Amino acid sequence: MRTTLQLKTLVAGGPVLTDGAWGTEFQRLGLPVGHAADGWNLSRPELVEQVARTYVEAGSSVILTNTFRANRIAMAKDPDRDRVVAINRAAVEISRRAAGDRALVFASIGPSGKLLMSGDVDERDLRTAFGEQAAALAEAGADAIVIETMSDLAEARVALEAALDTGLAVVVSMVFDSGKNRDRTMMGTTPQQAAAELTRLGAHAVGANCGIGVEGAAAICAACAAATTLPIWIKPNAGLPRMHGRDAVYSTSADAFAAWLPAMVDAGAGFVGGCCGTTPEFIAALRRRIPQHTATRRR
């Protein structure tokens, strides 16, 4: 079993810049709204690599893989459902080519799209699906695994257990966008509760992605940091979208988004990037902010 990447060591020198959104970038390249892009790893690898490469060129030190829905349950109605292993392997190879020696590749595992509590999916089947995906990602050469956009802590636990079996470092990122203050998961879990439980279960980093936007990200970082000593992972949206026809339009600019970097880092963020609506321009703006903030903190 390979040596686990030490995430605490990675963030010891300051915030590590991750990537931005992939789905909205694929839509710019012709992916229809509502369609999954995972199959593009086999049918349009050059476009997937183009997106990955733009984030490396923008300054990302960590990029993900195009595997958010690439588990057998989420792809149950997809024409490529029997090619799950090949899709995951290809995704790592694509991101690895784009990363070269300039970035690490953290492989993405997203939710199944089914609810455990309602009986839509059996925990054993969920474990099998996540296990198959995690094994394929690890065998293809991912540096770590990111379990992201999780609303159900029970599903996150199953995915985490499957990912830990690979021997890789595992980040678990939840979505906090519900409740009176929009600071709970859909199931009512607080950042403190999630961070404490995921730490107990063996995660190597915890945090949040997606959600209501960058304005609330620092508070979520602080809440997570109060419950764990693990590195905090944060990838907020570019604000809340408004619909223009069938397209989601995000009004937050790259510079306005990056202006929140000091608050996120001061609140405990170790890994910083963007989710829905963010682009390579957002990552470049964050990259410009990092040395400025680091210098200010050292004064």
C-alpha atoms as a PDB file:
ATOM      1  CA  MET A   1       0.000   0.000   0.000  1.00  0.00           C
ATOM      2  CA  ARG A   2       1.378   3.431  -0.959  1.00  0.00           C
ATOM      3  CA  THR A   3       2.402   6.082   1.568  1.00  0.00           C
ATOM      4  CA  THR A   4      -0.465   8.429   2.352  1.00  0.00           C
ATOM      5  CA  LEU A   5       0.070  12.018   1.264  1.00  0.00           C
ATOM      6  CA  GLN A   6       0.426  14.127   4.405  1.00  0.00           C
ATOM      7  CA  LEU A   7      -2.178  16.844   4.008  1.00  0.00           C
ATOM      8  CA  LYS A   8      -1.175  18.637   7.216  1.00  0.00           C
ATOM      9  CA  THR A   9       2.356  18.967   5.871  1.00  0.00           C
ATOM     10  CA  LEU A  10       1.016  20.188   2.538  1.00  0.00           C
ATOM     11  CA  VAL A  11      -0.837  23.125   4.107  1.00  0.00           C
ATOM     12  CA  ALA A  12       1.830  23.933   6.709  1.00  0.00           C
ATOM     13  CA  GLY A  13       3.404  26.626   4.544  1.00  0.00           C
ATOM     14  CA  GLY A  14       0.153  28.434   3.843  1.00  0.00           C
ATOM     15  CA  PRO A  15      -3.082  27.931   1.927  1.00  0.00           C
ATOM     16  CA  VAL A  16      -3.009  25.458  -0.960  1.00  0.00           C
ATOM     17  CA  LEU A  17      -4.869  26.628  -4.044  1.00  0.00           C
ATOM     18  CA  THR A  18      -7.245  24.091  -5.564  1.00  0.00           C
ATOM     19  CA  ASP A  19      -9.306  24.442  -8.747  1.00  0.00           C
ATOM     20  CA  GLY A  20     -12.677  25.906  -9.691  1.00  0.00           C
ATOM     21  CA  ALA A  21     -15.852  24.549 -11.238  1.00  0.00           C
ATOM     22  CA  TRP A  22     -15.735  21.912 -13.966  1.00  0.00           C
ATOM     23  CA  GLY A  23     -19.418  21.519 -14.852  1.00  0.00           C
ATOM     24  CA  THR A  24     -19.957  25.126 -15.899  1.00  0.00           C
ATOM     25  CA  GLU A  25     -16.716  25.015 -17.887  1.00  0.00           C
ATOM     26  CA  PHE A  26     -17.956  21.919 -19.734  1.00  0.00           C
ATOM     27  CA  GLN A  27     -21.192  23.735 -20.503  1.00  0.00           C
ATOM     28  CA  ARG A  28     -19.174  26.504 -22.138  1.00  0.00           C
ATOM     29  CA  LEU A  29     -17.662  23.796 -24.323  1.00  0.00           C
ATOM     30  CA  GLY A  30     -21.017  22.416 -25.409  1.00  0.00           C
ATOM     31  CA  LEU A  31     -22.238  20.074 -22.667  1.00  0.00           C
ATOM     32  CA  PRO A  32     -26.043  20.424 -22.457  1.00  0.00           C
ATOM     33  CA  VAL A  33     -27.370  21.728 -19.136  1.00  0.00           C
ATOM     34  CA  GLY A  34     -28.445  18.828 -16.917  1.00  0.00           C
ATOM     35  CA  HIS A  35     -26.176  16.301 -18.633  1.00  0.00           C
ATOM     36  CA  ALA A  36     -23.275  14.612 -16.832  1.00  0.00           C
ATOM     37  CA  ALA A  37     -19.794  15.066 -18.271  1.00  0.00           C
ATOM     38  CA  ASP A  38     -18.179  11.916 -16.864  1.00  0.00           C
ATOM     39  CA  GLY A  39     -18.523  10.071 -20.175  1.00  0.00           C
ATOM     40  CA  TRP A  40     -16.445  12.771 -21.843  1.00  0.00           C
ATOM     41  CA  ASN A  41     -13.378  11.154 -20.249  1.00  0.00           C
ATOM     42  CA  LEU A  42     -13.740   8.496 -22.955  1.00  0.00           C
ATOM     43  CA  SER A  43     -15.498  10.350 -25.784  1.00  0.00           C
ATOM     44  CA  ARG A  44     -14.032  13.886 -25.493  1.00  0.00           C
ATOM     45  CA  PRO A  45     -10.820  13.550 -23.455  1.00  0.00           C
ATOM     46  CA  GLU A  46      -9.242  16.546 -25.185  1.00  0.00           C
ATOM     47  CA  LEU A  47     -11.974  18.849 -23.809  1.00  0.00           C
ATOM     48  CA  VAL A  48     -11.666  17.434 -20.294  1.00  0.00           C
ATOM     49  CA  GLU A  49      -7.909  17.936 -20.424  1.00  0.00           C
ATOM     50  CA  GLN A  50      -8.435  21.474 -21.691  1.00  0.00           C
ATOM     51  CA  VAL A  51     -10.466  22.341 -18.592  1.00  0.00           C
ATOM     52  CA  ALA A  52      -7.988  20.675 -16.239  1.00  0.00           C
ATOM     53  CA  ARG A  53      -5.049  22.400 -17.913  1.00  0.00           C
ATOM     54  CA  THR A  54      -6.610  25.861 -17.668  1.00  0.00           C
ATOM     55  CA  TYR A  55      -6.761  25.480 -13.892  1.00  0.00           C
ATOM     56  CA  VAL A  56      -3.131  24.407 -13.681  1.00  0.00           C
ATOM     57  CA  GLU A  57      -2.159  27.397 -15.815  1.00  0.00           C
ATOM     58  CA  ALA A  58      -4.252  29.666 -13.573  1.00  0.00           C
ATOM     59  CA  GLY A  59      -2.218  28.547 -10.564  1.00  0.00           C
ATOM     60  CA  SER A  60      -3.962  25.547  -9.009  1.00  0.00           C
ATOM     61  CA  SER A  61      -1.643  23.383  -6.931  1.00  0.00           C
ATOM     62  CA  VAL A  62      -4.370  20.732  -6.664  1.00  0.00           C
ATOM     63  CA  ILE A  63      -6.805  19.795  -9.419  1.00  0.00           C
ATOM     64  CA  LEU A  64      -9.667  17.328  -9.274  1.00  0.00           C
ATOM     65  CA  THR A  65     -10.886  14.754 -11.789  1.00  0.00           C
ATOM     66  CA  ASN A  66     -13.986  14.608 -13.964  1.00  0.00           C
ATOM     67  CA  THR A  67     -15.565  11.838 -11.887  1.00  0.00           C
ATOM     68  CA  PHE A  68     -18.209  13.584  -9.777  1.00  0.00           C
ATOM     69  CA  ARG A  69     -21.003  11.228 -10.907  1.00  0.00           C
ATOM     70  CA  ALA A  70     -18.826   8.303 -11.929  1.00  0.00           C
ATOM     71  CA  ASN A  71     -20.230   5.700  -9.568  1.00  0.00           C
ATOM     72  CA  ARG A  72     -22.498   2.869 -10.621  1.00  0.00           C
ATOM     73  CA  ILE A  73     -25.556   4.147  -8.726  1.00  0.00           C
ATOM     74  CA  ALA A  74     -25.436   7.729  -9.986  1.00  0.00           C
ATOM     75  CA  MET A  75     -24.871   6.428 -13.532  1.00  0.00           C
ATOM     76  CA  ALA A  76     -27.606   3.775 -13.381  1.00  0.00           C
ATOM     77  CA  LYS A  77     -29.524   5.323 -16.298  1.00  0.00           C
ATOM     78  CA  ASP A  78     -26.468   6.519 -18.196  1.00  0.00           C
ATOM     79  CA  PRO A  79     -25.486   4.773 -21.456  1.00  0.00           C
ATOM     80  CA  ASP A  80     -21.942   4.504 -20.081  1.00  0.00           C
ATOM     81  CA  ARG A  81     -22.978   2.844 -16.812  1.00  0.00           C
ATOM     82  CA  ASP A  82     -21.027  -0.337 -17.607  1.00  0.00           C
ATOM     83  CA  ARG A  83     -17.854   1.643 -18.234  1.00  0.00           C
ATOM     84  CA  VAL A  84     -17.533   3.095 -14.736  1.00  0.00           C
ATOM     85  CA  VAL A  85     -14.049   1.735 -14.082  1.00  0.00           C
ATOM     86  CA  ALA A  86     -12.747   2.903 -17.457  1.00  0.00           C
ATOM     87  CA  ILE A  87     -14.262   6.368 -16.945  1.00  0.00           C
ATOM     88  CA  ASN A  88     -12.577   6.774 -13.567  1.00  0.00           C
ATOM     89  CA  ARG A  89      -9.221   5.514 -14.778  1.00  0.00           C
ATOM     90  CA  ALA A  90      -9.305   7.785 -17.816  1.00  0.00           C
ATOM     91  CA  ALA A  91     -10.182  10.787 -15.657  1.00  0.00           C
ATOM     92  CA  VAL A  92      -7.106  10.361 -13.470  1.00  0.00           C
ATOM     93  CA  GLU A  93      -4.898   9.918 -16.529  1.00  0.00           C
ATOM     94  CA  ILE A  94      -6.322  13.104 -18.065  1.00  0.00           C
ATOM     95  CA  SER A  95      -5.831  15.191 -14.927  1.00  0.00           C
ATOM     96  CA  ARG A  96      -2.379  13.719 -14.463  1.00  0.00           C
ATOM     97  CA  ARG A  97      -1.368  14.816 -17.981  1.00  0.00           C
ATOM     98  CA  ALA A  98      -2.701  18.300 -17.344  1.00  0.00           C
ATOM     99  CA  ALA A  99      -1.049  18.547 -13.927  1.00  0.00           C
ATOM    100  CA  GLY A 100       2.399  17.394 -15.030  1.00  0.00           C
ATOM    101  CA  ASP A 101       4.781  18.248 -12.208  1.00  0.00           C
ATOM    102  CA  ARG A 102       2.937  21.463 -11.345  1.00  0.00           C
ATOM    103  CA  ALA A 103      -0.083  20.156  -9.445  1.00  0.00           C
ATOM    104  CA  LEU A 104      -1.367  17.199  -7.456  1.00  0.00           C
ATOM    105  CA  VAL A 105      -4.417  15.218  -8.559  1.00  0.00           C
ATOM    106  CA  PHE A 106      -7.154  14.714  -5.974  1.00  0.00           C
ATOM    107  CA  ALA A 107      -9.822  12.430  -7.436  1.00  0.00           C
ATOM    108  CA  SER A 108     -13.458  13.461  -7.041  1.00  0.00           C
ATOM    109  CA  ILE A 109     -16.207  11.249  -5.626  1.00  0.00           C
ATOM    110  CA  GLY A 110     -19.658  12.819  -5.531  1.00  0.00           C
ATOM    111  CA  PRO A 111     -22.923  11.621  -3.984  1.00  0.00           C
ATOM    112  CA  SER A 112     -24.981   8.754  -5.363  1.00  0.00           C
ATOM    113  CA  GLY A 113     -28.074  10.892  -5.883  1.00  0.00           C
ATOM    114  CA  LYS A 114     -30.071   8.497  -3.685  1.00  0.00           C
ATOM    115  CA  LEU A 115     -31.179   8.844  -0.067  1.00  0.00           C
ATOM    116  CA  LEU A 116     -30.259   6.211   2.505  1.00  0.00           C
ATOM    117  CA  MET A 117     -32.863   7.384   5.013  1.00  0.00           C
ATOM    118  CA  SER A 118     -35.751   6.932   2.564  1.00  0.00           C
ATOM    119  CA  GLY A 119     -34.580   3.520   1.429  1.00  0.00           C
ATOM    120  CA  ASP A 120     -33.775   4.680  -2.115  1.00  0.00           C
ATOM    121  CA  VAL A 121     -30.460   2.868  -1.816  1.00  0.00           C
ATOM    122  CA  ASP A 122     -29.106   0.083   0.353  1.00  0.00           C
ATOM    123  CA  GLU A 123     -25.958   0.846   2.376  1.00  0.00           C
ATOM    124  CA  ARG A 124     -24.296  -2.338   1.119  1.00  0.00           C
ATOM    125  CA  ASP A 125     -24.899  -1.352  -2.518  1.00  0.00           C
ATOM    126  CA  LEU A 126     -23.662   2.155  -1.789  1.00  0.00           C
ATOM    127  CA  ARG A 127     -20.497   0.770  -0.231  1.00  0.00           C
ATOM    128  CA  THR A 128     -19.905  -1.443  -3.260  1.00  0.00           C
ATOM    129  CA  ALA A 129     -20.387   1.432  -5.699  1.00  0.00           C
ATOM    130  CA  PHE A 130     -18.093   3.811  -3.848  1.00  0.00           C
ATOM    131  CA  GLY A 131     -15.557   1.046  -3.329  1.00  0.00           C
ATOM    132  CA  GLU A 132     -15.441   0.292  -7.046  1.00  0.00           C
ATOM    133  CA  GLN A 133     -14.946   3.948  -7.894  1.00  0.00           C
ATOM    134  CA  ALA A 134     -12.332   4.615  -5.213  1.00  0.00           C
ATOM    135  CA  ALA A 135     -10.313   1.559  -6.197  1.00  0.00           C
ATOM    136  CA  ALA A 136     -10.282   2.598  -9.865  1.00  0.00           C
ATOM    137  CA  LEU A 137      -9.179   6.128  -8.982  1.00  0.00           C
ATOM    138  CA  ALA A 138      -6.411   4.901  -6.709  1.00  0.00           C
ATOM    139  CA  GLU A 139      -5.145   2.298  -9.151  1.00  0.00           C
ATOM    140  CA  ALA A 140      -4.969   4.931 -11.888  1.00  0.00           C
ATOM    141  CA  GLY A 141      -2.590   7.014  -9.782  1.00  0.00           C
ATOM    142  CA  ALA A 142      -4.581   9.683  -7.919  1.00  0.00           C
ATOM    143  CA  ASP A 143      -2.639  11.441  -5.151  1.00  0.00           C
ATOM    144  CA  ALA A 144      -5.668  11.676  -2.849  1.00  0.00           C
ATOM    145  CA  ILE A 145      -9.457  11.420  -2.924  1.00  0.00           C
ATOM    146  CA  VAL A 146     -12.017  14.178  -2.350  1.00  0.00           C
ATOM    147  CA  ILE A 147     -15.520  13.099  -1.349  1.00  0.00           C
ATOM    148  CA  GLU A 148     -17.475  16.237  -2.172  1.00  0.00           C
ATOM    149  CA  THR A 149     -20.889  17.889  -2.191  1.00  0.00           C
ATOM    150  CA  MET A 150     -22.247  15.537   0.456  1.00  0.00           C
ATOM    151  CA  SER A 151     -25.532  16.471   2.172  1.00  0.00           C
ATOM    152  CA  ASP A 152     -25.999  13.266   4.165  1.00  0.00           C
ATOM    153  CA  LEU A 153     -23.370  12.479   6.797  1.00  0.00           C
ATOM    154  CA  ALA A 154     -24.372   8.796   6.640  1.00  0.00           C
ATOM    155  CA  GLU A 155     -23.587   8.637   2.928  1.00  0.00           C
ATOM    156  CA  ALA A 156     -20.347  10.545   3.505  1.00  0.00           C
ATOM    157  CA  ARG A 157     -19.365   7.929   6.079  1.00  0.00           C
ATOM    158  CA  VAL A 158     -19.926   5.074   3.627  1.00  0.00           C
ATOM    159  CA  ALA A 159     -17.906   6.862   0.936  1.00  0.00           C
ATOM    160  CA  LEU A 160     -15.134   7.662   3.411  1.00  0.00           C
ATOM    161  CA  GLU A 161     -14.837   4.054   4.539  1.00  0.00           C
ATOM    162  CA  ALA A 162     -14.585   2.929   0.907  1.00  0.00           C
ATOM    163  CA  ALA A 163     -11.993   5.578   0.064  1.00  0.00           C
ATOM    164  CA  LEU A 164      -9.852   4.847   3.132  1.00  0.00           C
ATOM    165  CA  ASP A 165      -9.516   1.253   1.953  1.00  0.00           C
ATOM    166  CA  THR A 166      -7.327   2.531  -0.910  1.00  0.00           C
ATOM    167  CA  GLY A 167      -4.654   3.829   1.451  1.00  0.00           C
ATOM    168  CA  LEU A 168      -4.909   7.331  -0.006  1.00  0.00           C
ATOM    169  CA  ALA A 169      -5.479  10.520   1.966  1.00  0.00           C
ATOM    170  CA  VAL A 170      -9.184  11.419   1.929  1.00  0.00           C
ATOM    171  CA  VAL A 171     -10.865  14.821   2.102  1.00  0.00           C
ATOM    172  CA  VAL A 172     -14.588  14.924   2.916  1.00  0.00           C
ATOM    173  CA  SER A 173     -16.482  18.054   1.890  1.00  0.00           C
ATOM    174  CA  MET A 174     -20.103  18.691   2.870  1.00  0.00           C
ATOM    175  CA  VAL A 175     -22.734  21.152   1.573  1.00  0.00           C
ATOM    176  CA  PHE A 176     -24.082  23.621   4.139  1.00  0.00           C
ATOM    177  CA  ASP A 177     -26.985  25.553   2.629  1.00  0.00           C
ATOM    178  CA  SER A 178     -30.033  24.751   4.755  1.00  0.00           C
ATOM    179  CA  GLY A 179     -31.646  25.904   7.987  1.00  0.00           C
ATOM    180  CA  LYS A 180     -32.495  29.397   9.195  1.00  0.00           C
ATOM    181  CA  ASN A 181     -28.932  30.652   8.802  1.00  0.00           C
ATOM    182  CA  ARG A 182     -28.057  28.481   5.803  1.00  0.00           C
ATOM    183  CA  ASP A 183     -25.328  26.824   7.881  1.00  0.00           C
ATOM    184  CA  ARG A 184     -26.576  23.222   8.028  1.00  0.00           C
ATOM    185  CA  THR A 185     -26.719  20.341   5.610  1.00  0.00           C
ATOM    186  CA  MET A 186     -30.016  19.282   4.088  1.00  0.00           C
ATOM    187  CA  MET A 187     -30.195  16.718   6.925  1.00  0.00           C
ATOM    188  CA  GLY A 188     -29.661  19.370   9.620  1.00  0.00           C
ATOM    189  CA  THR A 189     -26.015  18.627  10.400  1.00  0.00           C
ATOM    190  CA  THR A 190     -23.881  21.578  11.517  1.00  0.00           C
ATOM    191  CA  PRO A 191     -20.277  22.127  10.377  1.00  0.00           C
ATOM    192  CA  GLN A 192     -19.063  21.340  13.899  1.00  0.00           C
ATOM    193  CA  GLN A 193     -20.955  18.055  13.996  1.00  0.00           C
ATOM    194  CA  ALA A 194     -19.744  17.038  10.553  1.00  0.00           C
ATOM    195  CA  ALA A 195     -16.121  17.949  11.228  1.00  0.00           C
ATOM    196  CA  ALA A 196     -16.055  16.121  14.555  1.00  0.00           C
ATOM    197  CA  GLU A 197     -17.662  12.955  13.189  1.00  0.00           C
ATOM    198  CA  LEU A 198     -15.576  12.820  10.010  1.00  0.00           C
ATOM    199  CA  THR A 199     -12.419  13.334  12.056  1.00  0.00           C
ATOM    200  CA  ARG A 200     -13.417  10.443  14.298  1.00  0.00           C
ATOM    201  CA  LEU A 201     -14.030   8.264  11.246  1.00  0.00           C
ATOM    202  CA  GLY A 202     -10.520   8.835   9.912  1.00  0.00           C
ATOM    203  CA  ALA A 203     -10.741  11.612   7.298  1.00  0.00           C
ATOM    204  CA  HIS A 204      -7.498  13.468   6.589  1.00  0.00           C
ATOM    205  CA  ALA A 205      -9.176  16.832   5.857  1.00  0.00           C
ATOM    206  CA  VAL A 206     -12.733  18.127   6.151  1.00  0.00           C
ATOM    207  CA  GLY A 207     -14.690  21.100   4.924  1.00  0.00           C
ATOM    208  CA  ALA A 208     -17.337  22.370   2.565  1.00  0.00           C
ATOM    209  CA  ASN A 209     -18.040  23.110  -1.068  1.00  0.00           C
ATOM    210  CA  CYS A 210     -20.922  24.493  -3.100  1.00  0.00           C
ATOM    211  CA  GLY A 211     -23.562  25.988  -0.775  1.00  0.00           C
ATOM    212  CA  ILE A 212     -24.791  29.556  -0.674  1.00  0.00           C
ATOM    213  CA  GLY A 213     -21.669  31.412  -1.783  1.00  0.00           C
ATOM    214  CA  VAL A 214     -18.360  32.835  -0.702  1.00  0.00           C
ATOM    215  CA  GLU A 215     -19.843  35.307   1.788  1.00  0.00           C
ATOM    216  CA  GLY A 216     -20.630  32.528   4.251  1.00  0.00           C
ATOM    217  CA  ALA A 217     -17.469  30.502   3.690  1.00  0.00           C
ATOM    218  CA  ALA A 218     -15.352  32.002   6.465  1.00  0.00           C
ATOM    219  CA  ALA A 219     -17.978  31.230   9.108  1.00  0.00           C
ATOM    220  CA  ILE A 220     -18.158  27.613   7.928  1.00  0.00           C
ATOM    221  CA  CYS A 221     -14.347  27.341   8.018  1.00  0.00           C
ATOM    222  CA  ALA A 222     -14.300  28.684  11.571  1.00  0.00           C
ATOM    223  CA  ALA A 223     -17.032  26.294  12.679  1.00  0.00           C
ATOM    224  CA  CYS A 224     -15.183  23.310  11.225  1.00  0.00           C
ATOM    225  CA  ALA A 225     -11.868  24.454  12.696  1.00  0.00           C
ATOM    226  CA  ALA A 226     -13.458  24.668  16.148  1.00  0.00           C
ATOM    227  CA  ALA A 227     -14.213  20.932  16.007  1.00  0.00           C
ATOM    228  CA  THR A 228     -11.059  19.464  14.433  1.00  0.00           C
ATOM    229  CA  THR A 229      -7.314  19.907  14.021  1.00  0.00           C
ATOM    230  CA  LEU A 230      -7.458  18.541  10.469  1.00  0.00           C
ATOM    231  CA  PRO A 231      -6.844  20.820   7.467  1.00  0.00           C
ATOM    232  CA  ILE A 232      -9.992  22.634   6.318  1.00  0.00           C
ATOM    233  CA  TRP A 233     -11.077  22.364   2.674  1.00  0.00           C
ATOM    234  CA  ILE A 234     -13.267  25.153   1.281  1.00  0.00           C
ATOM    235  CA  LYS A 235     -14.628  25.626  -2.258  1.00  0.00           C
ATOM    236  CA  PRO A 236     -17.629  27.997  -2.234  1.00  0.00           C
ATOM    237  CA  ASN A 237     -19.838  28.951  -5.149  1.00  0.00           C
ATOM    238  CA  ALA A 238     -19.551  32.273  -6.963  1.00  0.00           C
ATOM    239  CA  GLY A 239     -22.632  33.482  -5.089  1.00  0.00           C
ATOM    240  CA  LEU A 240     -26.192  32.384  -5.710  1.00  0.00           C
ATOM    241  CA  PRO A 241     -27.138  31.989  -9.380  1.00  0.00           C
ATOM    242  CA  ARG A 242     -30.022  33.581 -11.211  1.00  0.00           C
ATOM    243  CA  MET A 243     -31.559  31.779 -14.147  1.00  0.00           C
ATOM    244  CA  HIS A 244     -31.292  33.280 -17.616  1.00  0.00           C
ATOM    245  CA  GLY A 245     -33.391  30.913 -19.675  1.00  0.00           C
ATOM    246  CA  ARG A 246     -31.919  27.492 -18.913  1.00  0.00           C
ATOM    247  CA  ASP A 247     -28.546  28.924 -17.935  1.00  0.00           C
ATOM    248  CA  ALA A 248     -27.431  29.671 -14.378  1.00  0.00           C
ATOM    249  CA  VAL A 249     -25.727  33.065 -14.229  1.00  0.00           C
ATOM    250  CA  TYR A 250     -23.429  33.918 -11.322  1.00  0.00           C
ATOM    251  CA  SER A 251     -22.974  37.619 -10.576  1.00  0.00           C
ATOM    252  CA  THR A 252     -19.938  37.477  -8.267  1.00  0.00           C
ATOM    253  CA  SER A 253     -16.783  38.612 -10.044  1.00  0.00           C
ATOM    254  CA  ALA A 254     -13.421  36.911  -9.730  1.00  0.00           C
ATOM    255  CA  ASP A 255     -11.902  39.816  -7.797  1.00  0.00           C
ATOM    256  CA  ALA A 256     -14.896  40.075  -5.458  1.00  0.00           C
ATOM    257  CA  PHE A 257     -14.638  36.347  -4.781  1.00  0.00           C
ATOM    258  CA  ALA A 258     -10.888  36.522  -4.141  1.00  0.00           C
ATOM    259  CA  ALA A 259     -11.370  39.420  -1.727  1.00  0.00           C
ATOM    260  CA  TRP A 260     -12.757  36.848   0.725  1.00  0.00           C
ATOM    261  CA  LEU A 261      -9.545  34.802   0.735  1.00  0.00           C
ATOM    262  CA  PRO A 262      -8.036  36.530   3.827  1.00  0.00           C
ATOM    263  CA  ALA A 263     -11.195  35.894   5.841  1.00  0.00           C
ATOM    264  CA  MET A 264     -11.310  32.230   4.807  1.00  0.00           C
ATOM    265  CA  VAL A 265      -7.636  31.638   5.592  1.00  0.00           C
ATOM    266  CA  ASP A 266      -7.814  33.503   8.909  1.00  0.00           C
ATOM    267  CA  ALA A 267     -10.823  31.331   9.789  1.00  0.00           C
ATOM    268  CA  GLY A 268      -8.755  28.185   9.269  1.00  0.00           C
ATOM    269  CA  ALA A 269      -8.904  27.290   5.576  1.00  0.00           C
ATOM    270  CA  GLY A 270      -5.948  25.204   4.405  1.00  0.00           C
ATOM    271  CA  PHE A 271      -7.221  24.362   0.913  1.00  0.00           C
ATOM    272  CA  VAL A 272      -9.026  27.118  -1.008  1.00  0.00           C
ATOM    273  CA  GLY A 273     -10.742  27.009  -4.404  1.00  0.00           C
ATOM    274  CA  GLY A 274     -14.120  27.496  -5.997  1.00  0.00           C
ATOM    275  CA  CYS A 275     -17.232  25.547  -6.901  1.00  0.00           C
ATOM    276  CA  CYS A 276     -20.215  26.367  -9.144  1.00  0.00           C
ATOM    277  CA  GLY A 277     -19.760  29.451 -11.287  1.00  0.00           C
ATOM    278  CA  THR A 278     -16.046  29.875 -10.617  1.00  0.00           C
ATOM    279  CA  THR A 279     -13.608  29.781 -13.520  1.00  0.00           C
ATOM    280  CA  PRO A 280      -9.847  29.824 -14.128  1.00  0.00           C
ATOM    281  CA  GLU A 281     -10.057  33.606 -13.742  1.00  0.00           C
ATOM    282  CA  PHE A 282     -11.281  33.106 -10.167  1.00  0.00           C
ATOM    283  CA  ILE A 283      -8.341  30.815  -9.422  1.00  0.00           C
ATOM    284  CA  ALA A 284      -5.899  33.324 -10.893  1.00  0.00           C
ATOM    285  CA  ALA A 285      -7.442  36.035  -8.703  1.00  0.00           C
ATOM    286  CA  LEU A 286      -7.048  33.846  -5.616  1.00  0.00           C
ATOM    287  CA  ARG A 287      -3.434  33.119  -6.610  1.00  0.00           C
ATOM    288  CA  ARG A 288      -2.683  36.842  -6.697  1.00  0.00           C
ATOM    289  CA  ARG A 289      -4.196  37.269  -3.237  1.00  0.00           C
ATOM    290  CA  ILE A 290      -2.280  34.482  -1.489  1.00  0.00           C
ATOM    291  CA  PRO A 291       1.182  36.102  -1.327  1.00  0.00           C
ATOM    292  CA  GLN A 292      -0.364  39.454  -0.371  1.00  0.00           C
ATOM    293  CA  HIS A 293      -2.210  37.891   2.545  1.00  0.00           C
ATOM    294  CA  THR A 294       0.765  35.764   3.608  1.00  0.00           C
ATOM    295  CA  ALA A 295       2.979  38.862   3.724  1.00  0.00           C
ATOM    296  CA  THR A 296       0.383  40.778   5.755  1.00  0.00           C
ATOM    297  CA  ARG A 297       0.094  37.967   8.335  1.00  0.00           C
ATOM    298  CA  ARG A 298       3.882  37.867   8.800  1.00  0.00           C
ATOM    299  CA  ARG A 299       4.189  41.580   9.632  1.00  0.00           C
END
